[in-house]
Amino acid sequence: MTKQEFIDRFDALDTFHAQQAQLGDMLHQFLLDGYSVVSFGGDLIEQYIIMLAEMSGIDKDCIDNLLFEGGGMYYINGNINEPFNVVTAEDLWDFYKT
């Protein structure tokens, strides 16, 4: 898998996740009075993340963190003196591949 392929596939996942959240918000606002849990596509997202991790060699938990939490600070070889800020798919690729 190339860097651009990873970025493109992560961006597709990120778009689907955003649309999933928007659908849930709209259902709550107009049909469910804001009192229910809406899960649409969760299993699909989980399987997609697993495949993306396998194809890219990037840890699944790191992909999860970027998608659901917006990334964060990673440390090169666990060294706190070498921080690497990961906020995009490109950052995550660079952290793992450089």
PDB file of N, CA and C in Angstrom:
ATOM      1  N   MET A   1       0.848  -1.166   0.000  1.00  0.00           N
ATOM      2  CA  MET A   1       0.000   0.000   0.000  1.00  0.00           C
ATOM      3  C   MET A   1       0.893   1.229   0.000  1.00  0.00           C
ATOM      4  N   THR A   2       0.542   2.190  -0.814  1.00  0.00           N
ATOM      5  CA  THR A   2       1.303   3.433  -0.848  1.00  0.00           C
ATOM      6  C   THR A   2       0.719   4.439   0.138  1.00  0.00           C
ATOM      7  N   LYS A   3       1.475   5.479   0.386  1.00  0.00           N
ATOM      8  CA  LYS A   3       1.029   6.545   1.281  1.00  0.00           C
ATOM      9  C   LYS A   3      -0.285   7.143   0.770  1.00  0.00           C
ATOM     10  N   GLN A   4      -0.353   7.439  -0.530  1.00  0.00           N
ATOM     11  CA  GLN A   4      -1.563   8.062  -1.085  1.00  0.00           C
ATOM     12  C   GLN A   4      -2.764   7.128  -1.005  1.00  0.00           C
ATOM     13  N   GLU A   5      -2.543   5.832  -1.220  1.00  0.00           N
ATOM     14  CA  GLU A   5      -3.640   4.873  -1.090  1.00  0.00           C
ATOM     15  C   GLU A   5      -4.162   4.848   0.347  1.00  0.00           C
ATOM     16  N   PHE A   6      -3.252   4.874   1.323  1.00  0.00           N
ATOM     17  CA  PHE A   6      -3.673   4.905   2.723  1.00  0.00           C
ATOM     18  C   PHE A   6      -4.475   6.162   3.013  1.00  0.00           C
ATOM     19  N   ILE A   7      -3.982   7.304   2.571  1.00  0.00           N
ATOM     20  CA  ILE A   7      -4.670   8.576   2.809  1.00  0.00           C
ATOM     21  C   ILE A   7      -6.055   8.559   2.173  1.00  0.00           C
ATOM     22  N   ASP A   8      -6.144   8.105   0.932  1.00  0.00           N
ATOM     23  CA  ASP A   8      -7.436   8.059   0.224  1.00  0.00           C
ATOM     24  C   ASP A   8      -8.423   7.141   0.938  1.00  0.00           C
ATOM     25  N   ARG A   9      -7.952   5.990   1.374  1.00  0.00           N
ATOM     26  CA  ARG A   9      -8.844   5.036   2.048  1.00  0.00           C
ATOM     27  C   ARG A   9      -9.249   5.528   3.428  1.00  0.00           C
ATOM     28  N   PHE A  10      -8.322   6.154   4.142  1.00  0.00           N
ATOM     29  CA  PHE A  10      -8.682   6.717   5.440  1.00  0.00           C
ATOM     30  C   PHE A  10      -9.672   7.860   5.258  1.00  0.00           C
ATOM     31  N   ASP A  11      -9.465   8.704   4.252  1.00  0.00           N
ATOM     32  CA  ASP A  11     -10.391   9.816   4.001  1.00  0.00           C
ATOM     33  C   ASP A  11     -11.796   9.314   3.689  1.00  0.00           C
ATOM     34  N   ALA A  12     -11.911   8.204   2.938  1.00  0.00           N
ATOM     35  CA  ALA A  12     -13.227   7.621   2.659  1.00  0.00           C
ATOM     36  C   ALA A  12     -13.872   7.145   3.956  1.00  0.00           C
ATOM     37  N   LEU A  13     -13.083   6.532   4.826  1.00  0.00           N
ATOM     38  CA  LEU A  13     -13.577   6.077   6.130  1.00  0.00           C
ATOM     39  C   LEU A  13     -14.015   7.263   6.984  1.00  0.00           C
ATOM     40  N   ASP A  14     -13.222   8.307   7.003  1.00  0.00           N
ATOM     41  CA  ASP A  14     -13.529   9.503   7.776  1.00  0.00           C
ATOM     42  C   ASP A  14     -14.824  10.159   7.284  1.00  0.00           C
ATOM     43  N   THR A  15     -15.009  10.217   5.986  1.00  0.00           N
ATOM     44  CA  THR A  15     -16.239  10.783   5.409  1.00  0.00           C
ATOM     45  C   THR A  15     -17.448   9.952   5.814  1.00  0.00           C
ATOM     46  N   PHE A  16     -17.331   8.619   5.716  1.00  0.00           N
ATOM     47  CA  PHE A  16     -18.434   7.745   6.113  1.00  0.00           C
ATOM     48  C   PHE A  16     -18.755   7.933   7.592  1.00  0.00           C
ATOM     49  N   HIS A  17     -17.733   8.028   8.420  1.00  0.00           N
ATOM     50  CA  HIS A  17     -17.943   8.221   9.861  1.00  0.00           C
ATOM     51  C   HIS A  17     -18.667   9.541  10.131  1.00  0.00           C
ATOM     52  N   ALA A  18     -18.285  10.598   9.436  1.00  0.00           N
ATOM     53  CA  ALA A  18     -18.946  11.897   9.608  1.00  0.00           C
ATOM     54  C   ALA A  18     -20.403  11.831   9.156  1.00  0.00           C
ATOM     55  N   GLN A  19     -20.660  11.145   8.055  1.00  0.00           N
ATOM     56  CA  GLN A  19     -22.034  10.992   7.570  1.00  0.00           C
ATOM     57  C   GLN A  19     -22.854  10.155   8.533  1.00  0.00           C
ATOM     58  N   GLN A  20     -22.238   9.147   9.121  1.00  0.00           N
ATOM     59  CA  GLN A  20     -22.900   8.307  10.113  1.00  0.00           C
ATOM     60  C   GLN A  20     -23.333   9.162  11.309  1.00  0.00           C
ATOM     61  N   ALA A  21     -22.445  10.015  11.773  1.00  0.00           N
ATOM     62  CA  ALA A  21     -22.769  10.893  12.908  1.00  0.00           C
ATOM     63  C   ALA A  21     -23.874  11.878  12.534  1.00  0.00           C
ATOM     64  N   GLN A  22     -23.824  12.400  11.332  1.00  0.00           N
ATOM     65  CA  GLN A  22     -24.848  13.341  10.868  1.00  0.00           C
ATOM     66  C   GLN A  22     -26.211  12.651  10.782  1.00  0.00           C
ATOM     67  N   LEU A  23     -26.238  11.427  10.289  1.00  0.00           N
ATOM     68  CA  LEU A  23     -27.490  10.671  10.217  1.00  0.00           C
ATOM     69  C   LEU A  23     -28.061  10.466  11.614  1.00  0.00           C
ATOM     70  N   GLY A  24     -27.219  10.074  12.551  1.00  0.00           N
ATOM     71  CA  GLY A  24     -27.675   9.893  13.930  1.00  0.00           C
ATOM     72  C   GLY A  24     -28.233  11.178  14.514  1.00  0.00           C
ATOM     73  N   ASP A  25     -27.557  12.286  14.273  1.00  0.00           N
ATOM     74  CA  ASP A  25     -28.038  13.586  14.762  1.00  0.00           C
ATOM     75  C   ASP A  25     -29.399  13.939  14.176  1.00  0.00           C
ATOM     76  N   MET A  26     -29.562  13.701  12.882  1.00  0.00           N
ATOM     77  CA  MET A  26     -30.834  14.029  12.224  1.00  0.00           C
ATOM     78  C   MET A  26     -31.969  13.140  12.744  1.00  0.00           C
ATOM     79  N   LEU A  27     -31.688  11.858  12.933  1.00  0.00           N
ATOM     80  CA  LEU A  27     -32.709  10.970  13.481  1.00  0.00           C
ATOM     81  C   LEU A  27     -33.118  11.419  14.876  1.00  0.00           C
ATOM     82  N   HIS A  28     -32.144  11.776  15.691  1.00  0.00           N
ATOM     83  CA  HIS A  28     -32.450  12.246  17.042  1.00  0.00           C
ATOM     84  C   HIS A  28     -33.287  13.521  17.003  1.00  0.00           C
ATOM     85  N   GLN A  29     -32.906  14.425  16.144  1.00  0.00           N
ATOM     86  CA  GLN A  29     -33.588  15.710  16.097  1.00  0.00           C
ATOM     87  C   GLN A  29     -35.032  15.598  15.610  1.00  0.00           C
ATOM     88  N   PHE A  30     -35.270  14.773  14.606  1.00  0.00           N
ATOM     89  CA  PHE A  30     -36.580  14.780  13.965  1.00  0.00           C
ATOM     90  C   PHE A  30     -37.466  13.576  14.283  1.00  0.00           C
ATOM     91  N   LEU A  31     -36.886  12.456  14.682  1.00  0.00           N
ATOM     92  CA  LEU A  31     -37.710  11.267  14.845  1.00  0.00           C
ATOM     93  C   LEU A  31     -37.646  10.625  16.222  1.00  0.00           C
ATOM     94  N   LEU A  32     -36.573  10.797  16.946  1.00  0.00           N
ATOM     95  CA  LEU A  32     -36.370  10.006  18.148  1.00  0.00           C
ATOM     96  C   LEU A  32     -36.345  10.824  19.428  1.00  0.00           C
ATOM     97  N   ASP A  33     -36.634  12.075  19.359  1.00  0.00           N
ATOM     98  CA  ASP A  33     -36.670  12.956  20.531  1.00  0.00           C
ATOM     99  C   ASP A  33     -35.367  12.958  21.320  1.00  0.00           C
ATOM    100  N   GLY A  34     -34.255  12.570  20.692  1.00  0.00           N
ATOM    101  CA  GLY A  34     -32.950  12.636  21.333  1.00  0.00           C
ATOM    102  C   GLY A  34     -32.698  11.622  22.417  1.00  0.00           C
ATOM    103  N   TYR A  35     -33.517  10.557  22.498  1.00  0.00           N
ATOM    104  CA  TYR A  35     -33.390   9.624  23.620  1.00  0.00           C
ATOM    105  C   TYR A  35     -33.029   8.197  23.232  1.00  0.00           C
ATOM    106  N   SER A  36     -32.417   7.997  22.102  1.00  0.00           N
ATOM    107  CA  SER A  36     -32.082   6.623  21.743  1.00  0.00           C
ATOM    108  C   SER A  36     -30.658   6.560  21.205  1.00  0.00           C
ATOM    109  N   VAL A  37     -30.159   5.360  21.097  1.00  0.00           N
ATOM    110  CA  VAL A  37     -28.840   5.127  20.533  1.00  0.00           C
ATOM    111  C   VAL A  37     -29.031   4.685  19.089  1.00  0.00           C
ATOM    112  N   VAL A  38     -28.342   5.343  18.179  1.00  0.00           N
ATOM    113  CA  VAL A  38     -28.417   4.987  16.771  1.00  0.00           C
ATOM    114  C   VAL A  38     -27.059   4.444  16.349  1.00  0.00           C
ATOM    115  N   SER A  39     -27.053   3.238  15.837  1.00  0.00           N
ATOM    116  CA  SER A  39     -25.818   2.644  15.343  1.00  0.00           C
ATOM    117  C   SER A  39     -26.063   2.214  13.910  1.00  0.00           C
ATOM    118  N   PHE A  40     -25.388   2.897  13.010  1.00  0.00           N
ATOM    119  CA  PHE A  40     -25.532   2.594  11.592  1.00  0.00           C
ATOM    120  C   PHE A  40     -24.147   2.411  10.996  1.00  0.00           C
ATOM    121  N   GLY A  41     -23.836   1.229  10.573  1.00  0.00           N
ATOM    122  CA  GLY A  41     -22.566   0.980   9.909  1.00  0.00           C
ATOM    123  C   GLY A  41     -21.392   0.728  10.827  1.00  0.00           C
ATOM    124  N   GLY A  42     -21.632   0.551  12.121  1.00  0.00           N
ATOM    125  CA  GLY A  42     -20.536   0.333  13.057  1.00  0.00           C
ATOM    126  C   GLY A  42     -19.713  -0.902  12.747  1.00  0.00           C
ATOM    127  N   ASP A  43     -20.378  -1.987  12.391  1.00  0.00           N
ATOM    128  CA  ASP A  43     -19.666  -3.219  12.045  1.00  0.00           C
ATOM    129  C   ASP A  43     -18.856  -3.037  10.767  1.00  0.00           C
ATOM    130  N   LEU A  44     -19.422  -2.312   9.816  1.00  0.00           N
ATOM    131  CA  LEU A  44     -18.716  -2.041   8.562  1.00  0.00           C
ATOM    132  C   LEU A  44     -17.457  -1.224   8.828  1.00  0.00           C
ATOM    133  N   ILE A  45     -17.568  -0.195   9.652  1.00  0.00           N
ATOM    134  CA  ILE A  45     -16.407   0.626   9.994  1.00  0.00           C
ATOM    135  C   ILE A  45     -15.344  -0.227  10.677  1.00  0.00           C
ATOM    136  N   GLU A  46     -15.746  -1.069  11.603  1.00  0.00           N
ATOM    137  CA  GLU A  46     -14.796  -1.914  12.327  1.00  0.00           C
ATOM    138  C   GLU A  46     -14.035  -2.831  11.365  1.00  0.00           C
ATOM    139  N   GLN A  47     -14.737  -3.478  10.449  1.00  0.00           N
ATOM    140  CA  GLN A  47     -14.087  -4.369   9.492  1.00  0.00           C
ATOM    141  C   GLN A  47     -13.177  -3.594   8.537  1.00  0.00           C
ATOM    142  N   TYR A  48     -13.593  -2.414   8.151  1.00  0.00           N
ATOM    143  CA  TYR A  48     -12.793  -1.575   7.256  1.00  0.00           C
ATOM    144  C   TYR A  48     -11.489  -1.175   7.949  1.00  0.00           C
ATOM    145  N   ILE A  49     -11.565  -0.806   9.225  1.00  0.00           N
ATOM    146  CA  ILE A  49     -10.370  -0.423   9.981  1.00  0.00           C
ATOM    147  C   ILE A  49      -9.419  -1.616  10.094  1.00  0.00           C
ATOM    148  N   ILE A  50      -9.951  -2.793  10.358  1.00  0.00           N
ATOM    149  CA  ILE A  50      -9.112  -3.993  10.444  1.00  0.00           C
ATOM    150  C   ILE A  50      -8.393  -4.234   9.125  1.00  0.00           C
ATOM    151  N   MET A  51      -9.114  -4.146   8.006  1.00  0.00           N
ATOM    152  CA  MET A  51      -8.492  -4.356   6.702  1.00  0.00           C
ATOM    153  C   MET A  51      -7.466  -3.280   6.398  1.00  0.00           C
ATOM    154  N   LEU A  52      -7.774  -2.029   6.728  1.00  0.00           N
ATOM    155  CA  LEU A  52      -6.841  -0.933   6.486  1.00  0.00           C
ATOM    156  C   LEU A  52      -5.561  -1.135   7.296  1.00  0.00           C
ATOM    157  N   ALA A  53      -5.700  -1.573   8.531  1.00  0.00           N
ATOM    158  CA  ALA A  53      -4.535  -1.839   9.369  1.00  0.00           C
ATOM    159  C   ALA A  53      -3.695  -2.973   8.779  1.00  0.00           C
ATOM    160  N   GLU A  54      -4.342  -4.039   8.339  1.00  0.00           N
ATOM    161  CA  GLU A  54      -3.614  -5.169   7.759  1.00  0.00           C
ATOM    162  C   GLU A  54      -2.896  -4.768   6.474  1.00  0.00           C
ATOM    163  N   MET A  55      -3.560  -3.996   5.636  1.00  0.00           N
ATOM    164  CA  MET A  55      -2.972  -3.604   4.357  1.00  0.00           C
ATOM    165  C   MET A  55      -1.836  -2.599   4.521  1.00  0.00           C
ATOM    166  N   SER A  56      -1.930  -1.744   5.527  1.00  0.00           N
ATOM    167  CA  SER A  56      -0.943  -0.675   5.684  1.00  0.00           C
ATOM    168  C   SER A  56       0.186  -1.030   6.646  1.00  0.00           C
ATOM    169  N   GLY A  57      -0.064  -1.991   7.535  1.00  0.00           N
ATOM    170  CA  GLY A  57       0.911  -2.303   8.566  1.00  0.00           C
ATOM    171  C   GLY A  57       0.883  -1.315   9.727  1.00  0.00           C
ATOM    172  N   ILE A  58      -0.152  -0.485   9.776  1.00  0.00           N
ATOM    173  CA  ILE A  58      -0.318   0.496  10.852  1.00  0.00           C
ATOM    174  C   ILE A  58      -1.252  -0.097  11.897  1.00  0.00           C
ATOM    175  N   ASP A  59      -0.891   0.079  13.153  1.00  0.00           N
ATOM    176  CA  ASP A  59      -1.655  -0.490  14.256  1.00  0.00           C
ATOM    177  C   ASP A  59      -3.126  -0.048  14.214  1.00  0.00           C
ATOM    178  N   LYS A  60      -4.027  -1.000  14.380  1.00  0.00           N
ATOM    179  CA  LYS A  60      -5.463  -0.730  14.357  1.00  0.00           C
ATOM    180  C   LYS A  60      -5.863   0.312  15.397  1.00  0.00           C
ATOM    181  N   ASP A  61      -5.285   0.214  16.596  1.00  0.00           N
ATOM    182  CA  ASP A  61      -5.631   1.170  17.651  1.00  0.00           C
ATOM    183  C   ASP A  61      -5.263   2.602  17.269  1.00  0.00           C
ATOM    184  N   CYS A  62      -4.184   2.750  16.522  1.00  0.00           N
ATOM    185  CA  CYS A  62      -3.791   4.095  16.081  1.00  0.00           C
ATOM    186  C   CYS A  62      -4.758   4.642  15.038  1.00  0.00           C
ATOM    187  N   ILE A  63      -5.235   3.772  14.164  1.00  0.00           N
ATOM    188  CA  ILE A  63      -6.236   4.192  13.178  1.00  0.00           C
ATOM    189  C   ILE A  63      -7.528   4.558  13.899  1.00  0.00           C
ATOM    190  N   ASP A  64      -7.945   3.717  14.856  1.00  0.00           N
ATOM    191  CA  ASP A  64      -9.122   4.025  15.681  1.00  0.00           C
ATOM    192  C   ASP A  64      -8.979   5.384  16.354  1.00  0.00           C
ATOM    193  N   ASN A  65      -7.814   5.610  16.957  1.00  0.00           N
ATOM    194  CA  ASN A  65      -7.578   6.862  17.675  1.00  0.00           C
ATOM    195  C   ASN A  65      -7.689   8.063  16.755  1.00  0.00           C
ATOM    196  N   LEU A  66      -7.126   7.968  15.568  1.00  0.00           N
ATOM    197  CA  LEU A  66      -7.200   9.083  14.630  1.00  0.00           C
ATOM    198  C   LEU A  66      -8.639   9.322  14.177  1.00  0.00           C
ATOM    199  N   LEU A  67      -9.366   8.260  13.879  1.00  0.00           N
ATOM    200  CA  LEU A  67     -10.737   8.397  13.393  1.00  0.00           C
ATOM    201  C   LEU A  67     -11.688   8.906  14.476  1.00  0.00           C
ATOM    202  N   PHE A  68     -11.642   8.293  15.643  1.00  0.00           N
ATOM    203  CA  PHE A  68     -12.638   8.581  16.672  1.00  0.00           C
ATOM    204  C   PHE A  68     -12.233   9.679  17.656  1.00  0.00           C
ATOM    205  N   GLU A  69     -10.928   9.884  17.833  1.00  0.00           N
ATOM    206  CA  GLU A  69     -10.462  10.858  18.821  1.00  0.00           C
ATOM    207  C   GLU A  69      -9.726  12.039  18.194  1.00  0.00           C
ATOM    208  N   GLY A  70      -9.470  11.970  16.896  1.00  0.00           N
ATOM    209  CA  GLY A  70      -8.774  13.069  16.229  1.00  0.00           C
ATOM    210  C   GLY A  70      -7.263  13.008  16.324  1.00  0.00           C
ATOM    211  N   GLY A  71      -6.723  11.849  16.717  1.00  0.00           N
ATOM    212  CA  GLY A  71      -5.276  11.697  16.782  1.00  0.00           C
ATOM    213  C   GLY A  71      -4.713  12.138  18.106  1.00  0.00           C
ATOM    214  N   GLY A  72      -3.465  12.580  18.074  1.00  0.00           N
ATOM    215  CA  GLY A  72      -2.804  13.013  19.295  1.00  0.00           C
ATOM    216  C   GLY A  72      -1.305  12.926  19.169  1.00  0.00           C
ATOM    217  N   MET A  73      -0.646  13.014  20.296  1.00  0.00           N
ATOM    218  CA  MET A  73       0.807  12.995  20.324  1.00  0.00           C
ATOM    219  C   MET A  73       1.305  11.552  20.433  1.00  0.00           C
ATOM    220  N   TYR A  74       2.188  11.192  19.525  1.00  0.00           N
ATOM    221  CA  TYR A  74       2.840   9.891  19.537  1.00  0.00           C
ATOM    222  C   TYR A  74       4.320  10.152  19.778  1.00  0.00           C
ATOM    223  N   TYR A  75       5.020   9.125  20.214  1.00  0.00           N
ATOM    224  CA  TYR A  75       6.438   9.280  20.522  1.00  0.00           C
ATOM    225  C   TYR A  75       7.250   8.269  19.743  1.00  0.00           C
ATOM    226  N   ILE A  76       8.260   8.752  19.041  1.00  0.00           N
ATOM    227  CA  ILE A  76       9.104   7.907  18.218  1.00  0.00           C
ATOM    228  C   ILE A  76       9.866   6.943  19.116  1.00  0.00           C
ATOM    229  N   ASN A  77       9.699   5.655  18.856  1.00  0.00           N
ATOM    230  CA  ASN A  77      10.312   4.580  19.657  1.00  0.00           C
ATOM    231  C   ASN A  77       9.984   4.723  21.146  1.00  0.00           C
ATOM    232  N   GLY A  78       8.824   5.300  21.462  1.00  0.00           N
ATOM    233  CA  GLY A  78       8.411   5.452  22.852  1.00  0.00           C
ATOM    234  C   GLY A  78       9.186   6.503  23.624  1.00  0.00           C
ATOM    235  N   ASN A  79      10.010   7.285  22.941  1.00  0.00           N
ATOM    236  CA  ASN A  79      10.864   8.281  23.582  1.00  0.00           C
ATOM    237  C   ASN A  79      10.103   9.597  23.736  1.00  0.00           C
ATOM    238  N   ILE A  80       9.856  10.018  24.966  1.00  0.00           N
ATOM    239  CA  ILE A  80       9.081  11.249  25.197  1.00  0.00           C
ATOM    240  C   ILE A  80       9.817  12.494  24.713  1.00  0.00           C
ATOM    241  N   ASN A  81      11.080  12.369  24.412  1.00  0.00           N
ATOM    242  CA  ASN A  81      11.846  13.498  23.883  1.00  0.00           C
ATOM    243  C   ASN A  81      11.716  13.630  22.366  1.00  0.00           C
ATOM    244  N   GLU A  82      11.010  12.695  21.747  1.00  0.00           N
ATOM    245  CA  GLU A  82      10.802  12.732  20.304  1.00  0.00           C
ATOM    246  C   GLU A  82       9.303  12.672  19.986  1.00  0.00           C
ATOM    247  N   PRO A  83       8.575  13.755  20.294  1.00  0.00           N
ATOM    248  CA  PRO A  83       7.129  13.765  20.041  1.00  0.00           C
ATOM    249  C   PRO A  83       6.816  13.895  18.555  1.00  0.00           C
ATOM    250  N   PHE A  84       5.695  13.323  18.153  1.00  0.00           N
ATOM    251  CA  PHE A  84       5.227  13.381  16.770  1.00  0.00           C
ATOM    252  C   PHE A  84       3.725  13.600  16.834  1.00  0.00           C
ATOM    253  N   ASN A  85       3.259  14.766  16.411  1.00  0.00           N
ATOM    254  CA  ASN A  85       1.844  15.099  16.482  1.00  0.00           C
ATOM    255  C   ASN A  85       1.103  14.490  15.286  1.00  0.00           C
ATOM    256  N   VAL A  86       0.148  13.630  15.555  1.00  0.00           N
ATOM    257  CA  VAL A  86      -0.613  12.945  14.508  1.00  0.00           C
ATOM    258  C   VAL A  86      -2.044  13.485  14.510  1.00  0.00           C
ATOM    259  N   VAL A  87      -2.399  14.223  13.445  1.00  0.00           N
ATOM    260  CA  VAL A  87      -3.762  14.748  13.320  1.00  0.00           C
ATOM    261  C   VAL A  87      -4.389  14.453  11.953  1.00  0.00           C
ATOM    262  N   THR A  88      -3.610  13.890  11.037  1.00  0.00           N
ATOM    263  CA  THR A  88      -4.124  13.526   9.716  1.00  0.00           C
ATOM    264  C   THR A  88      -3.664  12.119   9.363  1.00  0.00           C
ATOM    265  N   ALA A  89      -4.270  11.553   8.343  1.00  0.00           N
ATOM    266  CA  ALA A  89      -3.847  10.241   7.857  1.00  0.00           C
ATOM    267  C   ALA A  89      -2.409  10.310   7.359  1.00  0.00           C
ATOM    268  N   GLU A  90      -2.041  11.406   6.745  1.00  0.00           N
ATOM    269  CA  GLU A  90      -0.664  11.570   6.275  1.00  0.00           C
ATOM    270  C   GLU A  90       0.317  11.554   7.458  1.00  0.00           C
ATOM    271  N   ASP A  91      -0.045  12.239   8.549  1.00  0.00           N
ATOM    272  CA  ASP A  91       0.804  12.232   9.744  1.00  0.00           C
ATOM    273  C   ASP A  91       0.980  10.808  10.278  1.00  0.00           C
ATOM    274  N   LEU A  92      -0.118  10.059  10.320  1.00  0.00           N
ATOM    275  CA  LEU A  92      -0.050   8.696  10.846  1.00  0.00           C
ATOM    276  C   LEU A  92       0.852   7.833   9.972  1.00  0.00           C
ATOM    277  N   TRP A  93       0.707   7.959   8.668  1.00  0.00           N
ATOM    278  CA  TRP A  93       1.565   7.218   7.740  1.00  0.00           C
ATOM    279  C   TRP A  93       3.029   7.589   7.978  1.00  0.00           C
ATOM    280  N   ASP A  94       3.297   8.885   8.050  1.00  0.00           N
ATOM    281  CA  ASP A  94       4.679   9.340   8.240  1.00  0.00           C
ATOM    282  C   ASP A  94       5.254   8.843   9.560  1.00  0.00           C
ATOM    283  N   PHE A  95       4.452   8.826  10.622  1.00  0.00           N
ATOM    284  CA  PHE A  95       4.919   8.332  11.916  1.00  0.00           C
ATOM    285  C   PHE A  95       5.353   6.870  11.809  1.00  0.00           C
ATOM    286  N   TYR A  96       4.542   6.073  11.117  1.00  0.00           N
ATOM    287  CA  TYR A  96       4.840   4.645  11.025  1.00  0.00           C
ATOM    288  C   TYR A  96       5.906   4.309  10.004  1.00  0.00           C
ATOM    289  N   LYS A  97       5.989   5.078   8.949  1.00  0.00           N
ATOM    290  CA  LYS A  97       6.843   4.682   7.819  1.00  0.00           C
ATOM    291  C   LYS A  97       8.177   5.408   7.754  1.00  0.00           C
ATOM    292  N   THR A  98       8.402   6.391   8.612  1.00  0.00           N
ATOM    293  CA  THR A  98       9.701   7.078   8.573  1.00  0.00           C
ATOM    294  C   THR A  98      10.544   6.747   9.773  1.00  0.00           C
TER     295      THR A  98
END
